[in-house]
Amino acid sequence: DHRDLHSFPTRRSSDLEAPKSNNANIKSLTIKTNDDSDVVLSPVFNSGVYDYEATVASNVKTVSITPILEDAKANAVISNNANEELKAGEDNKITITVTAEDGSKKAYNIIIKREALTSDATLKSLEIEEAEKFEFDKEKFTYNVKIDKNIKSLTIIYELADENSTINIEGNSELKNGSIVKLIVTAQDGTKKVYTLNIIKETNKKKSA
């Protein structure tokens, strides 16, 4: 009798142990871009659908993926490439593998297409306040810019043809006759175009001639 009593609690605890859950479903899924906007999945997320697609703009470099599971005892692992920069112009496949409490697995696949990088490195418009006669032509990359002899730098007003490109202005200080100012435009894909401004300072001799 004493031996039976001693083993009784062990038997009782095993009787109460619930079967392990096989629930490996994702309840909801949030995907955000690096600038914190939502990525829209197609089709709309449903726990019973395992393949999705989404397209993001070319300037979206990375995404963050947050799955919420139906069963808190399950575990989700997102493929390593989810933390890397998305390849532009390509389909980036990210997999979320959910393991249920009982070890059964489900894989949710998301293909994120990042649009191709843009290559336009031109200016849409360019004005120079100190040179009233300056006329811009986006296909022309070298200009002679006539300015007054006392002007030390140019006030440059520009508009990029593609908002994804960037501009760097070099040499726009302590201007002398013969100085060169360069406007270097770099497109999103790395294409570069250089607009060169050759500075010509009006001298008193020319005015009296």
Protein backbone atom coordinates (compact mmCIF):
# COMPACT_ATOMS: atom_id res chain seq x y z
CA ASP A 1 0.00 0.00 0.00
CA HIS A 2 2.76 2.38 0.92
CA ARG A 3 4.44 1.78 -2.46
CA ASP A 4 1.18 2.47 -4.37
CA LEU A 5 0.64 5.75 -2.53
CA HIS A 6 4.18 6.85 -3.29
CA SER A 7 3.75 6.34 -7.03
CA PHE A 8 0.24 7.82 -7.14
CA PRO A 9 1.25 11.50 -7.69
CA THR A 10 3.44 10.47 -10.64
CA ARG A 11 0.54 8.67 -12.27
CA ARG A 12 -1.75 11.61 -11.59
CA SER A 13 0.57 14.21 -13.20
CA SER A 14 0.93 12.16 -16.39
CA ASP A 15 -2.86 11.79 -16.61
CA LEU A 16 -3.23 15.60 -16.49
CA GLU A 17 -0.60 16.33 -19.18
CA ALA A 18 -2.42 17.78 -22.19
CA PRO A 19 -1.47 16.55 -25.68
CA LYS A 20 1.01 18.89 -27.37
CA SER A 21 -0.52 21.35 -29.83
CA ASN A 22 0.06 20.89 -33.56
CA ASN A 23 -0.94 24.51 -34.30
CA ALA A 24 1.77 26.04 -36.52
CA ASN A 25 -0.43 28.78 -37.97
CA ILE A 26 0.44 32.47 -38.22
CA LYS A 27 -2.48 34.53 -36.95
CA SER A 28 -1.42 37.85 -38.47
CA LEU A 29 1.57 39.22 -40.32
CA THR A 30 2.93 42.77 -40.42
CA ILE A 31 5.62 43.83 -42.90
CA LYS A 32 7.10 47.34 -42.74
CA THR A 33 9.59 49.06 -45.01
CA ASN A 34 12.71 50.82 -43.66
CA ASP A 35 10.77 54.12 -43.78
CA ASP A 36 7.98 52.53 -41.70
CA SER A 37 5.28 52.22 -44.36
CA ASP A 38 3.22 49.04 -44.73
CA VAL A 39 4.01 46.43 -47.37
CA VAL A 40 0.78 45.18 -48.98
CA LEU A 41 0.64 41.43 -49.52
CA SER A 42 -1.16 39.72 -52.38
CA PRO A 43 -3.33 37.85 -51.60
CA VAL A 44 -4.45 39.38 -48.29
CA PHE A 45 -2.93 37.37 -45.43
CA ASN A 46 -4.82 34.28 -44.35
CA SER A 47 -3.41 31.65 -41.97
CA GLY A 48 -4.28 28.86 -44.44
CA VAL A 49 -2.49 30.46 -47.42
CA TYR A 50 1.25 29.87 -47.64
CA ASP A 51 2.46 31.86 -50.67
CA TYR A 52 2.41 35.66 -51.00
CA GLU A 53 3.83 38.38 -53.21
CA ALA A 54 4.52 42.08 -52.66
CA THR A 55 6.20 44.87 -54.61
CA VAL A 56 8.17 47.70 -53.01
CA ALA A 57 9.63 50.87 -54.53
CA SER A 58 13.25 51.00 -55.65
CA ASN A 59 14.23 53.21 -52.71
CA VAL A 60 13.08 50.60 -50.14
CA LYS A 61 16.24 48.84 -48.99
CA THR A 62 15.04 46.59 -46.19
CA VAL A 63 11.84 45.29 -44.61
CA SER A 64 10.94 44.15 -41.10
CA ILE A 65 8.58 41.20 -40.67
CA THR A 66 6.52 40.60 -37.53
CA PRO A 67 4.45 37.40 -37.39
CA ILE A 68 1.94 36.83 -34.57
CA LEU A 69 1.21 33.13 -33.98
CA GLU A 70 -2.13 31.50 -33.21
CA ASP A 71 -0.47 29.40 -30.50
CA ALA A 72 1.92 31.13 -28.08
CA LYS A 73 3.78 27.82 -27.59
CA ALA A 74 4.73 27.65 -31.28
CA ASN A 75 7.94 29.23 -32.56
CA ALA A 76 8.58 31.23 -35.77
CA VAL A 77 11.96 31.52 -37.53
CA ILE A 78 12.38 34.00 -40.40
CA SER A 79 15.00 33.18 -43.06
CA ASN A 80 18.31 35.06 -42.65
CA ASN A 81 17.95 37.01 -45.90
CA ALA A 82 15.05 38.97 -44.33
CA ASN A 83 17.67 41.16 -42.61
CA GLU A 84 19.66 41.84 -45.79
CA GLU A 85 19.17 44.58 -48.34
CA LEU A 86 16.58 43.59 -50.93
CA LYS A 87 18.08 43.00 -54.37
CA ALA A 88 16.78 45.65 -56.75
CA GLY A 89 14.97 44.50 -59.87
CA GLU A 90 14.65 40.99 -58.45
CA ASP A 91 12.29 38.70 -56.56
CA ASN A 92 13.47 38.30 -52.96
CA LYS A 93 12.02 35.13 -51.37
CA ILE A 94 11.66 35.23 -47.60
CA THR A 95 10.44 32.19 -45.67
CA ILE A 96 8.82 32.11 -42.23
CA THR A 97 8.99 28.61 -40.74
CA VAL A 98 6.65 27.97 -37.82
CA THR A 99 7.24 24.97 -35.55
CA ALA A 100 4.27 23.87 -33.45
CA GLU A 101 4.62 22.65 -29.87
CA ASP A 102 4.52 19.04 -31.09
CA GLY A 103 7.28 19.68 -33.65
CA SER A 104 5.13 19.87 -36.78
CA LYS A 105 6.12 22.65 -39.18
CA LYS A 106 4.55 25.05 -41.68
CA ALA A 107 6.38 27.37 -44.06
CA TYR A 108 4.96 30.70 -45.25
CA ASN A 109 6.71 32.07 -48.35
CA ILE A 110 6.80 35.76 -49.27
CA ILE A 111 8.27 37.01 -52.54
CA ILE A 112 9.13 40.71 -52.29
CA LYS A 113 9.97 42.37 -55.60
CA ARG A 114 12.05 45.52 -55.24
CA GLU A 115 11.69 47.71 -58.30
CA ALA A 116 14.83 48.30 -60.37
CA LEU A 117 17.09 51.21 -59.45
CA THR A 118 16.66 54.29 -61.59
CA SER A 119 19.53 55.46 -63.81
CA ASP A 120 18.59 59.08 -64.63
CA ALA A 121 21.45 61.36 -63.53
CA THR A 122 20.27 64.52 -65.29
CA LEU A 123 18.94 67.80 -64.00
CA LYS A 124 15.43 68.90 -64.92
CA SER A 125 16.24 72.58 -64.44
CA LEU A 126 19.16 74.79 -63.46
CA GLU A 127 19.30 78.50 -62.73
CA ILE A 128 22.15 80.69 -61.55
CA GLU A 129 21.02 83.90 -59.87
CA GLU A 130 24.28 85.75 -60.58
CA ALA A 131 24.18 84.95 -64.33
CA GLU A 132 20.94 86.30 -65.81
CA LYS A 133 21.80 85.22 -69.35
CA PHE A 134 22.49 81.60 -68.33
CA GLU A 135 20.36 79.16 -70.32
CA PHE A 136 20.11 75.53 -69.29
CA ASP A 137 19.80 72.57 -71.64
CA LYS A 138 19.72 69.19 -69.88
CA GLU A 139 21.62 67.55 -72.76
CA LYS A 140 24.45 70.10 -72.47
CA PHE A 141 27.02 69.43 -69.77
CA THR A 142 29.56 72.28 -70.13
CA TYR A 143 28.73 75.98 -69.77
CA ASN A 144 30.59 79.27 -69.77
CA VAL A 145 29.12 81.32 -66.94
CA LYS A 146 29.76 85.07 -67.00
CA ILE A 147 29.54 86.78 -63.63
CA ASP A 148 30.54 90.08 -62.05
CA LYS A 149 34.15 90.25 -60.83
CA ASN A 150 33.09 90.71 -57.18
CA ILE A 151 31.05 87.52 -56.94
CA LYS A 152 32.68 84.88 -54.74
CA SER A 153 30.12 82.05 -55.13
CA LEU A 154 27.07 81.14 -57.22
CA THR A 155 23.51 80.82 -56.01
CA ILE A 156 22.50 77.61 -57.79
CA ILE A 157 18.83 76.66 -58.07
CA TYR A 158 18.28 73.19 -59.48
CA GLU A 159 15.69 70.45 -59.83
CA LEU A 160 16.70 66.82 -60.25
CA ALA A 161 15.10 64.89 -63.12
CA ASP A 162 14.72 61.91 -60.76
CA GLU A 163 14.07 62.52 -57.07
CA ASN A 164 15.99 59.32 -56.22
CA SER A 165 19.25 60.81 -57.48
CA THR A 166 21.61 63.03 -55.47
CA ILE A 167 23.73 66.07 -56.30
CA ASN A 168 27.12 67.21 -55.08
CA ILE A 169 28.42 70.69 -55.93
CA GLU A 170 32.19 71.21 -55.97
CA GLY A 171 34.31 74.34 -56.32
CA ASN A 172 31.59 76.89 -55.58
CA SER A 173 33.64 79.20 -53.34
CA GLU A 174 36.30 81.92 -53.71
CA LEU A 175 35.53 82.07 -57.43
CA LYS A 176 38.12 83.60 -59.74
CA ASN A 177 38.24 84.10 -63.49
CA GLY A 178 38.86 80.58 -64.84
CA SER A 179 37.42 78.77 -61.79
CA ILE A 180 35.42 75.60 -62.45
CA VAL A 181 32.26 74.67 -60.57
CA LYS A 182 31.08 71.07 -60.96
CA LEU A 183 27.57 69.74 -60.36
CA ILE A 184 27.91 65.98 -59.96
CA VAL A 185 24.59 64.13 -60.19
CA THR A 186 24.54 60.47 -59.09
CA ALA A 187 21.56 58.31 -60.05
CA GLN A 188 20.15 55.65 -57.74
CA ASP A 189 22.01 52.91 -59.64
CA GLY A 190 25.33 54.79 -59.44
CA THR A 191 25.25 56.38 -62.92
CA LYS A 192 27.03 59.76 -62.78
CA LYS A 193 26.70 62.89 -64.92
CA VAL A 194 28.79 66.02 -64.40
CA TYR A 195 27.67 69.54 -65.34
CA THR A 196 30.75 71.81 -65.61
CA LEU A 197 30.47 75.57 -65.15
CA ASN A 198 33.48 77.52 -66.45
CA ILE A 199 33.57 80.83 -64.60
CA ILE A 200 34.31 83.95 -66.64
CA LYS A 201 34.58 87.13 -64.60
CA GLU A 202 33.70 90.37 -66.34
CA THR A 203 36.65 92.77 -66.10
CA ASN A 204 36.70 96.56 -66.33
CA LYS A 205 38.81 96.39 -69.50
CA LYS A 206 36.05 94.56 -71.35
CA LYS A 207 33.44 97.07 -70.21
CA SER A 208 35.44 100.09 -71.48
CA ALA A 209 36.42 98.43 -74.75
